[in-house]
Protein backbone atom coordinates (compact mmCIF):
# COMPACT_ATOMS: atom_id res chain seq x y z
CA MET A 1 -7.05 -14.65 -23.85
CA ASN A 2 -7.27 -17.29 -20.87
CA ARG A 3 -7.48 -16.02 -17.14
CA GLU A 4 -3.65 -16.67 -16.43
CA SER A 5 -2.65 -14.51 -19.24
CA ARG A 6 -5.00 -11.87 -18.42
CA GLU A 7 -3.98 -11.70 -15.04
CA ARG A 8 0.00 -11.54 -16.37
CA THR A 9 -1.05 -8.64 -18.38
CA LEU A 10 -3.37 -6.91 -15.66
CA THR A 11 -0.04 -7.49 -13.31
CA SER A 12 2.35 -5.88 -15.55
CA GLN A 13 -0.09 -2.89 -16.42
CA LEU A 14 -0.44 -2.86 -12.25
CA VAL A 15 3.34 -2.83 -12.30
CA GLU A 16 3.62 0.27 -14.54
CA ALA A 17 0.90 2.26 -12.53
CA LEU A 18 2.52 1.44 -9.38
CA THR A 19 5.74 2.75 -10.75
CA SER A 20 4.55 5.68 -12.66
CA SER A 21 5.08 8.48 -9.81
CA LEU A 22 6.54 9.33 -6.59
CA ASP A 23 3.11 10.95 -5.65
CA LEU A 24 0.93 8.38 -3.79
CA SER A 25 -2.35 10.37 -5.02
CA GLU A 26 -1.15 10.03 -8.59
CA VAL A 27 0.16 6.11 -8.08
CA PHE A 28 -3.07 5.19 -6.61
CA ALA A 29 -5.26 7.14 -9.13
CA ASN A 30 -3.47 5.06 -11.91
CA ALA A 31 -3.44 2.12 -10.23
CA GLU A 32 -7.21 2.08 -9.00
CA ALA A 33 -8.79 0.62 -12.20
CA VAL A 34 -6.34 -2.16 -12.72
CA LEU A 35 -6.24 -3.39 -8.85
CA LEU A 36 -10.63 -3.53 -9.15
CA ARG A 37 -10.09 -5.72 -12.46
CA LEU A 38 -7.74 -8.22 -10.45
CA LEU A 39 -9.76 -8.22 -7.40
CA PRO A 40 -13.03 -7.09 -8.03
CA ALA A 41 -14.76 -5.28 -5.53
CA ASP A 42 -17.48 -2.43 -4.80
CA TYR A 43 -15.11 -0.13 -2.42
CA MET A 44 -11.20 0.07 -2.02
CA ALA A 45 -9.33 1.92 0.40
CA LEU A 46 -5.83 2.74 1.18
CA CYS A 47 -4.83 4.37 4.07
CA VAL A 48 -1.12 5.33 5.02
CA SER A 49 -0.08 6.53 8.59
CA ARG A 50 1.31 9.85 8.96
CA PRO A 51 4.96 10.33 10.25
CA GLY A 52 5.05 11.05 14.02
CA ARG A 53 1.45 11.19 14.28
CA PRO A 54 0.41 7.76 15.36
CA GLY A 55 -3.12 6.50 14.55
CA ASP A 56 -3.34 9.68 12.08
CA TYR A 57 -4.05 8.46 8.17
CA ASP A 58 -4.10 9.95 4.67
CA TRP A 59 -6.82 8.43 2.88
CA TRP A 60 -7.49 7.10 -0.65
CA VAL A 61 -10.82 5.49 -1.53
CA THR A 62 -13.09 4.36 -3.91
CA LYS A 63 -16.65 5.65 -4.04
CA MET A 64 -16.80 5.70 0.12
CA PRO A 65 -19.31 8.00 1.46
CA ALA A 66 -18.02 10.91 3.09
CA PRO A 67 -19.18 10.15 6.57
CA PHE A 68 -17.04 6.87 6.42
CA LEU A 69 -13.93 9.07 6.74
CA ALA A 70 -15.09 11.60 8.84
CA HIS A 71 -16.18 9.60 11.76
CA TYR A 72 -13.48 6.80 11.10
CA PRO A 73 -11.23 8.03 14.28
CA GLU A 74 -14.20 7.64 16.91
CA LEU A 75 -14.84 4.34 15.31
CA ALA A 76 -11.98 2.59 14.62
CA GLU A 77 -11.62 0.57 17.82
CA HIS A 78 -14.63 -1.11 16.55
CA ASP A 79 -13.00 -1.72 13.00
CA PHE A 80 -12.56 -5.63 13.36
CA VAL A 81 -10.41 -5.38 10.18
CA ARG A 82 -8.05 -2.96 11.37
CA SER A 83 -7.51 -5.02 14.83
CA ALA A 84 -7.07 -8.34 12.73
CA VAL A 85 -4.50 -6.97 10.56
CA VAL A 86 -1.84 -5.31 12.74
CA ARG A 87 -1.22 -8.45 14.49
CA ARG A 88 -0.19 -10.08 10.75
CA PRO A 89 1.68 -7.38 9.07
CA ASN A 90 1.97 -8.21 5.62
CA VAL A 91 -0.51 -10.99 5.39
CA VAL A 92 -3.76 -10.82 3.63
CA LEU A 93 -6.82 -11.66 5.77
CA ARG A 94 -10.33 -12.34 4.37
CA ASP A 95 -13.31 -11.83 6.81
CA VAL A 96 -13.61 -15.51 7.67
CA GLU A 97 -10.00 -15.02 9.25
CA MET A 98 -10.89 -12.03 11.15
CA VAL A 99 -14.00 -13.16 12.88
CA PRO A 100 -14.77 -16.56 14.19
CA ARG A 101 -18.28 -16.61 12.95
CA ARG A 102 -20.74 -15.16 11.03
CA LYS A 103 -23.03 -14.12 13.50
CA VAL A 104 -20.26 -12.42 15.43
CA LEU A 105 -19.23 -10.00 12.16
CA GLU A 106 -23.33 -9.20 11.92
CA ARG A 107 -23.20 -8.36 15.36
CA SER A 108 -20.25 -6.09 15.54
CA ARG A 109 -20.74 -2.06 15.70
CA TRP A 110 -18.23 -1.39 12.66
CA TYR A 111 -20.60 -4.03 10.37
CA GLN A 112 -23.78 -1.85 11.73
CA TYR A 113 -22.13 1.12 11.14
CA CYS A 114 -21.40 0.68 7.26
CA ARG A 115 -24.98 -0.38 7.04
CA GLU A 116 -26.29 2.77 8.51
CA LEU A 117 -24.37 4.70 5.93
CA GLY A 118 -25.64 2.86 3.09
CA MET A 119 -22.52 0.92 2.40
CA PRO A 120 -23.51 -2.74 3.53
CA LEU A 121 -19.95 -4.47 3.79
CA GLU A 122 -20.54 -7.85 3.91
CA HIS A 123 -17.23 -9.38 2.94
CA VAL A 124 -13.86 -7.80 3.44
CA MET A 125 -10.13 -8.65 2.49
CA SER A 126 -7.32 -6.67 3.71
CA VAL A 127 -3.53 -6.49 4.18
CA LEU A 128 -1.39 -4.29 6.31
CA LEU A 129 1.75 -2.84 4.43
CA ASP A 130 4.47 -2.44 6.68
CA VAL A 131 6.47 0.42 5.79
CA LYS A 132 10.03 0.96 7.07
CA GLY A 133 10.57 3.29 10.32
CA GLY A 134 7.47 2.83 11.87
CA ALA A 135 5.18 3.83 9.29
CA HIS A 136 2.29 1.47 7.84
CA GLY A 137 -0.44 1.40 5.17
CA GLY A 138 -3.68 -0.42 4.75
CA LEU A 139 -5.00 -1.75 1.65
CA THR A 140 -8.67 -2.82 1.99
CA PHE A 141 -11.48 -4.32 -0.58
CA TYR A 142 -14.81 -4.35 0.36
CA ARG A 143 -17.98 -6.12 -1.54
CA GLU A 144 -21.85 -5.45 -0.71
CA ARG A 145 -23.04 -8.68 -1.70
CA ARG A 146 -22.63 -11.64 -0.21
CA ARG A 147 -19.94 -12.99 -2.56
CA PRO A 148 -16.80 -13.85 -0.27
CA PHE A 149 -13.52 -13.34 -1.37
CA SER A 150 -11.87 -16.55 -2.74
CA LYS A 151 -8.64 -18.04 -1.31
CA ARG A 152 -7.19 -17.48 -5.27
CA GLU A 153 -8.00 -14.14 -5.12
CA GLN A 154 -6.33 -13.87 -1.45
CA ALA A 155 -3.44 -15.48 -2.88
CA ARG A 156 -3.38 -12.84 -6.05
CA LEU A 157 -3.29 -10.28 -3.36
CA GLN A 158 -0.70 -11.65 -1.23
CA GLY A 159 1.57 -11.82 -4.80
CA LEU A 160 1.47 -8.20 -4.83
CA THR A 161 1.97 -7.33 -1.48
CA ARG A 162 5.90 -6.92 -1.60
CA LEU A 163 5.40 -4.79 -4.45
CA LEU A 164 2.67 -2.34 -2.82
CA THR A 165 4.51 -2.06 0.34
CA GLN A 166 7.45 -0.80 -1.87
CA THR A 167 5.36 1.68 -3.60
CA VAL A 168 4.03 3.01 -0.34
CA ARG A 169 7.79 3.16 0.99
CA ASN A 170 9.27 5.00 -2.11
CA CYS A 171 6.56 7.34 -2.20
CA ARG A 172 6.97 8.33 1.61
CA MET A 173 10.55 8.33 1.39
CA TYR A 174 10.92 10.18 -2.15
CA GLY A 175 7.92 12.03 -2.85
CA GLU A 176 8.92 15.26 -1.67
CA VAL A 177 12.21 15.49 -3.19
CA ALA A 178 10.82 14.00 -6.65
CA ALA A 179 8.51 16.98 -7.23
CA ARG A 180 11.93 18.78 -6.93
CA GLY A 181 13.28 16.78 -9.40
CA GLN A 182 15.89 15.55 -7.39
CA VAL A 183 14.46 11.66 -7.21
CA LEU A 184 17.92 10.31 -8.27
CA ASP A 185 20.14 12.15 -6.24
CA ALA A 186 17.58 11.13 -3.23
CA PHE A 187 18.04 7.58 -3.70
CA PHE A 188 21.41 7.68 -4.32
CA GLN A 189 22.08 9.37 -1.09
CA HIS A 190 19.76 7.38 0.88
CA ARG A 191 20.83 3.71 -0.29
CA GLY A 192 24.58 4.68 0.98
CA ALA A 193 27.77 3.49 -0.09
CA ARG A 194 27.14 1.06 -2.58
CA CYS A 195 24.61 1.98 -5.38
CA ILE A 196 24.37 1.96 -9.17
CA VAL A 197 21.34 3.56 -10.89
CA ARG A 198 20.89 2.75 -14.56
CA ALA A 199 18.66 3.77 -17.62
CA GLU A 200 16.91 0.50 -18.95
CA PRO A 201 18.83 -1.73 -18.86
CA PHE A 202 22.23 -0.24 -20.39
CA LEU A 203 23.07 3.34 -19.64
CA GLU A 204 24.53 4.19 -16.50
CA GLU A 205 23.32 7.27 -14.72
CA LEU A 206 25.05 7.07 -11.15
CA ARG A 207 27.19 4.94 -9.00
CA THR A 208 28.71 5.72 -5.88
CA PRO A 209 32.53 5.20 -5.44
CA PRO A 210 32.98 2.05 -3.26
CA THR A 211 31.08 0.10 -5.70
CA THR A 212 33.52 -0.23 -8.25
CA ALA A 213 35.84 -1.51 -5.84
CA LEU A 214 33.25 -4.11 -4.74
CA LEU A 215 32.73 -5.24 -8.16
CA GLU A 216 36.28 -5.76 -8.79
CA LYS A 217 36.29 -8.21 -5.77
CA TRP A 218 33.28 -10.35 -6.12
CA PHE A 219 33.57 -10.40 -10.27
CA ARG A 220 36.33 -11.71 -12.12
CA PRO A 221 37.77 -9.30 -15.18
CA SER A 222 36.18 -11.90 -17.59
CA GLU A 223 32.86 -11.23 -16.00
CA ARG A 224 32.82 -7.45 -16.75
CA VAL A 225 33.09 -5.77 -19.67
CA GLY A 226 35.77 -3.20 -18.89
CA PRO A 227 37.52 -2.42 -15.61
CA SER A 228 34.51 -0.95 -14.13
CA ALA A 229 31.55 -2.24 -15.99
CA LEU A 230 28.38 -3.92 -14.57
CA PRO A 231 29.10 -7.66 -14.54
CA THR A 232 27.06 -9.37 -17.77
CA VAL A 233 25.06 -11.51 -15.35
CA LEU A 234 23.44 -8.32 -13.61
CA VAL A 235 22.88 -7.03 -16.95
CA GLU A 236 21.13 -9.91 -18.27
CA ARG A 237 19.08 -9.86 -14.90
CA LEU A 238 18.20 -6.11 -15.63
CA ALA A 239 17.12 -6.63 -19.29
CA MET A 240 14.83 -9.59 -18.22
CA LEU A 241 13.14 -7.54 -15.41
CA THR A 242 12.94 -4.62 -18.10
CA ALA A 243 11.13 -6.82 -20.62
CA ARG A 244 8.77 -8.29 -18.14
CA GLY A 245 7.79 -4.42 -17.21
CA GLY A 246 9.50 -5.30 -13.53
CA ALA A 247 7.11 -7.98 -12.98
CA GLY A 248 9.65 -10.42 -13.00
CA GLY A 249 8.28 -12.63 -10.08
CA THR A 250 9.27 -13.35 -6.36
CA GLY A 251 13.04 -13.47 -5.83
CA LEU A 252 13.64 -12.37 -9.70
CA ASP A 253 14.59 -8.77 -7.89
CA VAL A 254 17.06 -10.05 -5.85
CA TRP A 255 20.38 -12.06 -7.09
CA GLU A 256 22.80 -13.70 -4.88
CA ARG A 257 26.30 -14.86 -5.05
CA ALA A 258 28.13 -17.40 -2.32
CA GLY A 259 31.83 -16.10 -1.52
CA GLU A 260 32.86 -19.69 -2.21
CA GLU A 261 32.78 -18.81 -5.91
CA ARG A 262 35.31 -16.28 -5.35
CA GLY A 263 37.20 -17.60 -2.46
CA LEU A 264 35.33 -15.40 -0.13
CA ALA A 265 34.47 -18.06 2.79
CA GLY A 266 32.09 -16.65 5.17
CA GLU A 267 30.15 -14.16 3.54
CA ASP A 268 27.95 -13.97 0.39
CA LEU A 269 27.02 -10.98 -1.86
CA ARG A 270 23.15 -9.56 -2.66
CA VAL A 271 22.19 -7.53 -5.55
CA THR A 272 18.87 -6.05 -5.04
CA PHE A 273 16.87 -4.50 -8.40
CA THR A 274 14.62 -1.60 -7.41
CA ARG A 275 12.42 0.19 -10.12
CA LEU A 276 12.43 3.36 -9.99
CA PRO A 277 9.34 5.86 -11.65
CA ILE A 278 9.91 7.03 -15.58
CA ARG A 279 12.04 10.52 -15.89
CA GLY A 280 12.23 12.15 -19.20
CA GLY A 281 10.60 9.29 -21.17
CA GLN A 282 13.54 6.84 -19.29
CA GLN A 283 12.81 4.03 -17.19
CA PHE A 284 15.37 3.61 -14.39
CA TRP A 285 16.53 1.15 -12.19
CA ALA A 286 18.74 1.14 -8.95
CA LEU A 287 20.89 -1.85 -7.91
CA GLU A 288 22.12 -1.96 -4.21
CA PHE A 289 24.96 -4.27 -3.36
CA GLN A 290 25.17 -5.87 0.25
CA GLU A 291 27.97 -8.03 1.44
CA LEU A 292 26.48 -10.21 4.09
CA PRO A 293 28.20 -12.65 6.43
CA ARG A 294 27.51 -16.14 6.01
CA ALA A 295 25.02 -17.24 9.04
CA ILE A 296 25.57 -19.25 11.88
CA PRO A 297 22.40 -21.63 11.99
CA VAL A 298 19.76 -20.75 14.79
CA PRO A 299 20.27 -23.96 17.47
CA GLU A 300 16.87 -25.90 17.55
CA ALA A 301 16.55 -25.58 21.06
CA TRP A 302 16.10 -21.82 20.69
CA ARG A 303 13.33 -22.26 18.30
CA ARG A 304 11.06 -23.77 21.10
CA LEU A 305 11.58 -20.94 23.08
CA LEU A 306 11.49 -18.02 20.96
CA THR A 307 8.67 -16.86 18.56
CA GLU A 308 8.56 -17.05 14.88
CA ARG A 309 9.46 -13.68 14.59
CA GLU A 310 12.10 -13.67 17.03
CA VAL A 311 13.66 -16.51 15.56
CA GLU A 312 13.83 -14.36 12.21
CA VAL A 313 15.53 -11.67 13.93
CA VAL A 314 18.07 -13.90 15.70
CA SER A 315 18.67 -15.71 12.26
CA HIS A 316 19.85 -12.47 10.42
CA VAL A 317 21.83 -11.22 13.81
CA LEU A 318 24.05 -14.67 13.17
CA GLN A 319 24.25 -13.33 9.59
CA GLY A 320 25.90 -10.27 11.28
CA TRP A 321 23.07 -7.93 10.01
CA ASP A 322 22.91 -4.64 12.21
CA ASN A 323 19.87 -3.67 13.47
CA GLN A 324 18.94 -1.25 10.65
CA LEU A 325 19.38 -3.88 8.21
CA ILE A 326 17.08 -6.33 9.83
CA ALA A 327 14.53 -3.88 10.14
CA ASP A 328 14.59 -2.72 6.77
CA HIS A 329 14.64 -6.59 5.50
CA LEU A 330 11.58 -7.28 7.75
CA GLY A 331 9.69 -4.12 7.27
CA LEU A 332 9.71 -3.33 10.91
CA ALA A 333 10.62 -0.19 12.93
CA LEU A 334 14.23 -0.16 14.07
CA ALA A 335 12.58 0.40 17.89
CA THR A 336 10.74 -3.01 17.29
CA VAL A 337 13.76 -4.81 16.19
CA LYS A 338 15.48 -3.79 19.44
CA LYS A 339 12.49 -4.72 21.42
CA HIS A 340 12.49 -8.34 20.04
CA LEU A 341 16.29 -8.42 20.90
CA GLN A 342 15.70 -7.52 24.30
CA ASN A 343 13.05 -10.25 24.52
CA ILE A 344 15.41 -12.62 22.83
CA PHE A 345 18.43 -11.97 25.32
CA ASP A 346 15.93 -12.10 28.26
CA LYS A 347 14.91 -15.59 27.09
CA LEU A 348 18.14 -17.04 26.56
CA GLY A 349 19.98 -15.50 29.42
CA VAL A 350 22.62 -13.43 27.49
CA GLU A 351 23.84 -10.06 28.08
CA GLY A 352 24.09 -8.99 24.51
CA ARG A 353 24.68 -9.50 20.55
CA PRO A 354 28.31 -10.92 21.32
CA ALA A 355 27.31 -13.39 23.76
CA LEU A 356 24.31 -14.39 21.58
CA ILE A 357 26.61 -15.01 18.60
CA CYS A 358 29.30 -16.81 20.68
CA ARG A 359 26.81 -19.46 22.11
CA ALA A 360 25.22 -20.17 18.78
CA ALA A 361 28.46 -20.84 17.49
CA LEU A 362 29.38 -22.95 20.53
CA SER A 363 26.04 -24.80 19.91
CA ARG A 364 26.89 -26.29 16.39
């Protein structure tokens, strides 16, 4: 088996492990061996923030000495890994991108502390998983030998970041109710008005009432089997994702249709496929439907005034998205989105969202 085939096999195994449960301890135990085969390291640590308790974390670690966790809170301010990744959420960083020079790293209190523990950490690779609602997780790999993490390994972890973030998010959201055997109901209620949950890929388990009307609006009768059935194109996409074990690749878990195809100028349809844990021997999938107004482009002059993140927020405002949808899509806390918006209003000299949209439309 060549390297690419081996990586595909391991990635499929990882998807299975990450969707095996909604108990994060169980998920991480199942995924640990596969992750360390994909990204060889001497130590690996996952930490997830506790809701409502800033700076307080739950930890899942591999072979790290007990004092590492016991004394972490008092040494966190010296952790150059943490200080680097919090500035670039969802971006995988190697130690060469965290600390400018090797001598600086070796003089750091964190480097010295790890050596004192008998855990010499010569190379590090880490990513901050920015989870909905202000929560976050950190996944870090450490090596004792002076064998740096490669750009290929960095790209491999970057490709897994979205899946890892979804796993932490789902475990945090649904873990408690899943323990009571109510995972499908929990997902159904959380996702709101337009959602379908299906057993792979043809048996429907749940459907919110507004979903049927939405399907009739966006799909012709010839595209559906029966008046309320799921359109053939979505069944085919679900079958493809199922056949690939959920590892469909970037973009395959989202399907979109332009409004012009159905005479609906000014809006598009997005369908997001989310793999749920196996229950009773069956694999379940949730399909979330969103109608998204067609965007007004961000004026070029604004791009020179705003940060990259502010441009992202503005672009979604001009698509007609509300703050919660923007927060969910970008993996930000709702309060963070509101803060970005206020900064945008101040920089552009507008009083609020309606004035922002009006000015953008007039600039076209």
